[in-house]
């Protein structure tokens, strides 16, 4: 666990991965896609 905390503090790639996954951040020029499944209530 200490290793993960240290990576979050110091590793840029780990920080970017977390921001993308948890917060939905994207870089300028990127396009974000969201897949929406149809409702089952038909």
C-alpha atoms as a PDB file:
ATOM      1  CA  UNK A   1       0.000   0.000   0.000  1.00  0.00           C
ATOM      2  CA  UNK A   2       2.866   2.373   0.769  1.00  0.00           C
ATOM      3  CA  UNK A   3       4.202   1.752  -2.718  1.00  0.00           C
ATOM      4  CA  UNK A   4       0.873   2.762  -4.282  1.00  0.00           C
ATOM      5  CA  UNK A   5       0.703   5.948  -2.214  1.00  0.00           C
ATOM      6  CA  UNK A   6       4.246   6.861  -3.218  1.00  0.00           C
ATOM      7  CA  UNK A   7       3.418   6.287  -6.894  1.00  0.00           C
ATOM      8  CA  UNK A   8       0.377   8.553  -6.611  1.00  0.00           C
ATOM      9  CA  UNK A   9       2.582  11.279  -5.176  1.00  0.00           C
ATOM     10  CA  UNK A  10       5.476  11.012  -7.625  1.00  0.00           C
ATOM     11  CA  UNK A  11       4.559   9.124 -10.821  1.00  0.00           C
ATOM     12  CA  UNK A  12       2.938  11.264 -13.533  1.00  0.00           C
ATOM     13  CA  UNK A  13       1.560   8.279 -15.439  1.00  0.00           C
ATOM     14  CA  UNK A  14      -0.120   6.898 -12.322  1.00  0.00           C
ATOM     15  CA  UNK A  15      -1.667  10.300 -11.606  1.00  0.00           C
ATOM     16  CA  UNK A  16      -2.930  10.625 -15.185  1.00  0.00           C
ATOM     17  CA  UNK A  17      -4.389   7.109 -15.166  1.00  0.00           C
ATOM     18  CA  UNK A  18      -6.275   7.793 -11.944  1.00  0.00           C
ATOM     19  CA  UNK A  19      -7.575  11.161 -13.179  1.00  0.00           C
ATOM     20  CA  UNK A  20      -8.784   9.572 -16.423  1.00  0.00           C
ATOM     21  CA  UNK A  21     -10.451   6.613 -14.722  1.00  0.00           C
ATOM     22  CA  UNK A  22     -12.041   8.276 -11.698  1.00  0.00           C
ATOM     23  CA  UNK A  23     -12.654  11.824 -12.929  1.00  0.00           C
ATOM     24  CA  UNK A  24     -13.091  11.301 -16.675  1.00  0.00           C
ATOM     25  CA  UNK A  25     -10.300  13.713 -17.609  1.00  0.00           C
ATOM     26  CA  UNK A  26      -9.002  13.783 -21.170  1.00  0.00           C
ATOM     27  CA  UNK A  27      -6.044  15.522 -22.781  1.00  0.00           C
ATOM     28  CA  UNK A  28      -6.554  18.442 -25.183  1.00  0.00           C
ATOM     29  CA  UNK A  29      -7.259  17.097 -28.655  1.00  0.00           C
ATOM     30  CA  UNK A  30      -8.604  13.748 -27.412  1.00  0.00           C
ATOM     31  CA  UNK A  31     -12.194  12.656 -27.877  1.00  0.00           C
ATOM     32  CA  UNK A  32     -14.036  10.878 -25.093  1.00  0.00           C
ATOM     33  CA  UNK A  33     -16.632   8.265 -25.996  1.00  0.00           C
ATOM     34  CA  UNK A  34     -19.303   6.931 -23.695  1.00  0.00           C
ATOM     35  CA  UNK A  35     -21.113   3.714 -24.543  1.00  0.00           C
ATOM     36  CA  UNK A  36     -24.737   3.781 -23.446  1.00  0.00           C
ATOM     37  CA  UNK A  37     -26.624   0.523 -23.356  1.00  0.00           C
ATOM     38  CA  UNK A  38     -30.293   0.528 -24.317  1.00  0.00           C
ATOM     39  CA  UNK A  39     -32.809   0.287 -21.508  1.00  0.00           C
ATOM     40  CA  UNK A  40     -34.260  -3.141 -20.714  1.00  0.00           C
ATOM     41  CA  UNK A  41     -37.708  -1.600 -20.010  1.00  0.00           C
ATOM     42  CA  UNK A  42     -39.265  -1.969 -23.477  1.00  0.00           C
END
